[in-house]
N, C-alpha and C. Protein backbone atom coordinates (compact mmCIF):
# COMPACT_ATOMS: atom_id res chain seq x y z
N MET A 1 249.84 152.39 232.17
CA MET A 1 248.19 151.99 232.40
C MET A 1 247.46 153.42 232.51
N ASP A 2 248.00 154.17 232.87
CA ASP A 2 247.47 155.79 233.36
C ASP A 2 247.09 156.29 232.01
N GLY A 3 247.87 156.17 230.84
CA GLY A 3 247.47 156.67 229.55
C GLY A 3 246.79 155.95 228.66
N TYR A 4 246.59 154.57 229.23
CA TYR A 4 245.66 154.00 228.58
C TYR A 4 244.03 154.32 228.94
N LEU A 5 244.07 154.47 230.19
CA LEU A 5 242.83 154.67 230.65
C LEU A 5 242.64 155.91 230.04
N GLU A 6 243.11 157.18 230.36
CA GLU A 6 242.89 158.39 229.79
C GLU A 6 242.28 158.22 228.24
N ARG A 7 243.15 157.44 227.49
CA ARG A 7 242.73 157.58 226.13
C ARG A 7 241.44 156.69 226.00
N LEU A 8 241.12 155.87 226.75
CA LEU A 8 239.96 154.85 227.02
C LEU A 8 238.72 156.04 227.11
N ASP A 9 238.98 156.58 228.11
CA ASP A 9 237.84 157.54 228.70
C ASP A 9 237.71 158.61 227.63
N GLU A 10 238.55 159.35 226.81
CA GLU A 10 238.36 160.19 225.71
C GLU A 10 237.45 159.31 224.60
N ALA A 11 237.92 158.29 224.41
CA ALA A 11 237.37 157.25 222.98
C ALA A 11 235.75 157.01 223.53
N VAL A 12 235.56 156.88 224.84
CA VAL A 12 234.08 156.55 225.06
C VAL A 12 233.38 157.78 225.13
N GLN A 13 233.93 158.98 225.55
CA GLN A 13 233.16 160.27 225.54
C GLN A 13 232.80 160.74 224.25
N ARG A 14 233.79 160.34 223.43
CA ARG A 14 233.55 160.78 221.94
C ARG A 14 232.45 160.14 221.26
N GLN A 15 232.71 158.63 221.53
CA GLN A 15 231.64 157.78 221.20
C GLN A 15 229.86 158.10 221.67
N GLY A 16 229.96 158.63 223.04
CA GLY A 16 228.96 158.94 223.65
C GLY A 16 228.03 160.12 222.80
N HIS A 17 229.22 160.92 222.44
CA HIS A 17 228.81 162.43 221.94
C HIS A 17 228.22 161.76 220.59
N ALA A 18 228.83 161.14 219.94
CA ALA A 18 228.30 160.47 218.76
C ALA A 18 227.12 159.99 218.33
N MET A 19 226.70 158.85 219.51
CA MET A 19 225.77 158.47 219.82
C MET A 19 224.66 159.49 220.08
N ASN A 20 224.82 160.56 221.01
CA ASN A 20 223.83 161.52 221.00
C ASN A 20 223.34 162.51 219.97
N ALA A 21 224.36 162.63 219.27
CA ALA A 21 224.13 163.35 217.93
C ALA A 21 223.43 162.57 216.74
N TYR A 22 223.70 161.38 217.00
CA TYR A 22 222.69 160.11 215.91
C TYR A 22 221.34 160.09 216.28
N PHE A 23 221.02 159.96 217.66
CA PHE A 23 219.60 159.90 218.02
C PHE A 23 218.96 160.94 218.32
N GLN A 24 219.63 161.96 218.12
CA GLN A 24 218.92 163.50 218.10
C GLN A 24 218.47 163.72 216.68
N ARG A 25 219.59 163.31 215.65
CA ARG A 25 218.84 163.41 214.35
C ARG A 25 217.89 162.25 213.76
N VAL A 26 217.80 160.96 214.63
CA VAL A 26 216.91 160.11 214.07
C VAL A 26 215.52 160.61 214.40
N ASN A 27 215.53 161.29 215.76
CA ASN A 27 214.18 161.97 216.19
C ASN A 27 213.69 162.95 215.20
N TYR A 28 214.50 163.47 214.58
CA TYR A 28 214.07 165.04 213.70
C TYR A 28 213.33 164.48 212.61
N VAL A 29 212.20 165.53 212.64
CA VAL A 29 211.35 165.47 211.16
C VAL A 29 211.23 166.69 210.71
N PRO A 30 211.77 166.94 209.30
CA PRO A 30 211.62 168.39 209.11
C PRO A 30 210.32 168.68 209.07
N PRO A 31 210.38 170.08 209.16
CA PRO A 31 209.12 171.05 209.03
C PRO A 31 207.81 170.55 208.26
N PRO A 32 208.06 170.55 206.99
CA PRO A 32 206.88 170.22 206.23
C PRO A 32 205.96 168.96 206.61
N TYR A 33 206.81 168.25 207.10
CA TYR A 33 206.26 166.62 207.28
C TYR A 33 205.83 166.48 208.88
N HIS A 34 205.72 167.50 209.73
CA HIS A 34 205.47 167.48 210.94
C HIS A 34 203.98 166.32 211.33
N GLY A 35 202.99 166.90 210.38
CA GLY A 35 201.98 166.01 210.61
C GLY A 35 201.58 165.05 209.94
N THR A 36 202.61 164.32 209.10
CA THR A 36 202.07 163.21 208.64
C THR A 36 203.24 162.33 208.87
N PHE A 37 202.69 160.91 208.45
CA PHE A 37 203.52 159.74 208.56
C PHE A 37 203.33 159.08 207.36
N PHE A 38 204.24 158.62 206.36
CA PHE A 38 204.04 157.91 205.02
C PHE A 38 202.85 158.63 204.60
N GLY A 39 202.73 160.02 204.49
CA GLY A 39 201.78 160.60 203.75
C GLY A 39 200.33 160.67 204.16
N GLN A 40 200.15 159.90 205.52
CA GLN A 40 198.75 160.29 206.11
C GLN A 40 198.87 161.13 206.77
N VAL A 41 197.71 162.01 206.95
CA VAL A 41 197.68 163.37 207.90
C VAL A 41 197.33 163.05 209.00
N TYR A 42 197.38 163.31 210.29
CA TYR A 42 196.91 163.07 211.52
C TYR A 42 197.07 164.41 212.17
N GLY A 43 195.83 164.44 213.01
CA GLY A 43 195.71 165.82 213.95
C GLY A 43 194.25 166.29 213.42
N ASP A 44 194.15 167.61 212.92
CA ASP A 44 193.13 168.24 212.74
C ASP A 44 192.53 168.29 211.20
N GLU A 45 193.23 167.31 210.66
CA GLU A 45 192.44 166.96 209.12
C GLU A 45 191.25 166.08 209.41
N ASP A 46 190.49 165.95 208.16
CA ASP A 46 189.20 165.19 208.45
C ASP A 46 189.56 164.03 207.90
N GLU A 47 189.08 162.93 208.17
CA GLU A 47 189.36 161.40 207.59
C GLU A 47 188.80 161.35 206.07
N GLU A 48 187.83 162.06 205.70
CA GLU A 48 187.42 161.89 204.47
C GLU A 48 188.21 162.72 203.40
N ASP A 49 189.39 163.12 203.72
CA ASP A 49 190.23 163.85 202.79
C ASP A 49 190.95 162.71 201.92
N GLY A 50 190.84 161.32 202.26
CA GLY A 50 191.46 160.67 201.12
C GLY A 50 193.22 160.41 201.66
N SER A 51 193.53 161.02 203.11
CA SER A 51 194.78 160.91 203.38
C SER A 51 195.04 159.16 204.35
N TYR A 52 194.20 158.95 204.96
CA TYR A 52 194.03 157.80 205.59
C TYR A 52 193.82 156.71 204.94
N ALA A 53 194.74 155.75 205.71
CA ALA A 53 194.91 154.33 204.50
C ALA A 53 193.51 153.56 204.74
N PRO A 54 192.84 152.85 204.03
CA PRO A 54 191.70 152.40 203.90
C PRO A 54 191.58 151.43 205.08
N SER A 55 190.63 151.24 206.15
CA SER A 55 190.42 150.37 207.23
C SER A 55 190.19 148.89 206.68
N SER A 56 191.02 147.81 207.05
CA SER A 56 190.82 146.72 207.06
C SER A 56 189.86 145.72 207.80
N SER A 57 189.05 146.28 208.81
CA SER A 57 188.31 146.05 209.44
C SER A 57 187.02 145.58 208.82
N PRO A 58 186.46 144.63 209.21
CA PRO A 58 184.91 144.66 208.86
C PRO A 58 184.14 145.33 209.14
N ASP A 59 182.96 145.53 208.38
CA ASP A 59 181.71 146.32 208.91
C ASP A 59 180.90 145.79 209.94
N GLU A 60 180.26 146.57 211.11
CA GLU A 60 179.60 146.22 212.06
C GLU A 60 178.83 144.77 211.79
N GLU A 61 178.24 145.20 210.65
CA GLU A 61 176.94 144.29 210.12
C GLU A 61 177.86 142.86 209.91
N GLU A 62 178.88 142.88 209.12
CA GLU A 62 179.43 141.96 208.45
C GLU A 62 180.15 140.90 209.79
N PHE A 63 180.81 141.84 211.18
CA PHE A 63 181.20 141.17 211.98
C PHE A 63 180.11 140.41 213.07
N ASP A 64 178.87 141.01 212.90
CA ASP A 64 177.96 140.62 213.82
C ASP A 64 177.49 139.29 213.14
N ASP A 65 177.42 139.03 211.65
CA ASP A 65 176.99 137.91 211.02
C ASP A 65 177.93 136.87 211.21
N ALA A 66 179.41 137.37 211.35
CA ALA A 66 180.56 136.32 211.49
C ALA A 66 180.46 135.89 212.79
N VAL A 67 180.14 136.40 213.49
CA VAL A 67 180.38 135.95 215.35
C VAL A 67 178.75 135.42 215.70
N ASP A 68 177.86 135.52 214.89
CA ASP A 68 176.76 134.96 215.39
C ASP A 68 176.58 133.35 215.78
N GLY A 69 175.71 133.11 217.00
CA GLY A 69 175.96 131.78 217.30
C GLY A 69 177.11 131.10 217.89
N ASP A 70 178.15 132.11 218.00
CA ASP A 70 179.28 131.73 218.87
C ASP A 70 179.19 131.93 220.22
N GLU A 71 179.68 130.84 221.20
CA GLU A 71 179.29 130.71 222.56
C GLU A 71 179.62 131.88 223.50
N MET A 72 180.78 132.47 222.85
CA MET A 72 181.34 133.93 223.60
C MET A 72 180.57 135.18 223.28
N ASP A 73 179.65 134.86 222.36
CA ASP A 73 179.11 135.95 221.92
C ASP A 73 177.86 136.54 222.84
N VAL A 74 178.17 137.79 223.32
CA VAL A 74 177.39 138.23 224.31
C VAL A 74 176.03 138.76 223.83
N ASP A 75 176.05 139.61 222.64
CA ASP A 75 174.62 139.67 222.16
C ASP A 75 173.68 138.71 221.73
N ASP A 76 174.14 137.51 221.61
CA ASP A 76 173.22 136.17 221.16
C ASP A 76 172.53 136.22 222.73
N ASP A 77 173.42 136.07 224.00
CA ASP A 77 172.71 135.93 225.06
C ASP A 77 171.20 137.12 225.41
N ASP A 78 171.69 138.43 225.17
CA ASP A 78 170.63 139.18 225.25
C ASP A 78 169.59 138.94 224.58
N GLU A 79 169.68 138.61 223.02
CA GLU A 79 168.80 138.45 222.18
C GLU A 79 167.66 137.13 222.47
N GLU A 80 168.20 136.12 222.98
CA GLU A 80 167.50 135.01 223.37
C GLU A 80 166.56 135.58 225.02
N THR A 81 167.45 136.20 225.89
CA THR A 81 166.30 136.70 226.93
C THR A 81 165.31 137.64 226.66
N GLU A 82 165.34 138.46 225.37
CA GLU A 82 164.13 139.00 224.66
C GLU A 82 163.29 138.35 224.14
N ASP A 83 163.77 137.36 223.34
CA ASP A 83 162.73 136.39 222.91
C ASP A 83 161.73 135.48 223.76
N GLU A 84 162.51 135.27 224.96
CA GLU A 84 161.53 134.38 225.98
C GLU A 84 160.69 135.28 226.43
N ASP A 85 160.78 136.82 226.61
CA ASP A 85 159.63 137.41 227.34
C ASP A 85 158.43 137.61 226.33
């Protein structure tokens, strides 16, 4: 039984070292790609350089038009009080 436990301990330690090495490599990013993710540049770069994906969010005017008349729209309440004055 003693030999079995020693072999089991060695196997577990080997597996632990293998897992540590695996996860260290998973988090490794080669130097030329540090500031990018799927070709998009983050950080000091300007948004206008075309490296950012286009936004799927509607423009502010389109959004306001879509929610006008909604009971939960706070801006409608403000507009009503301004109209009453």
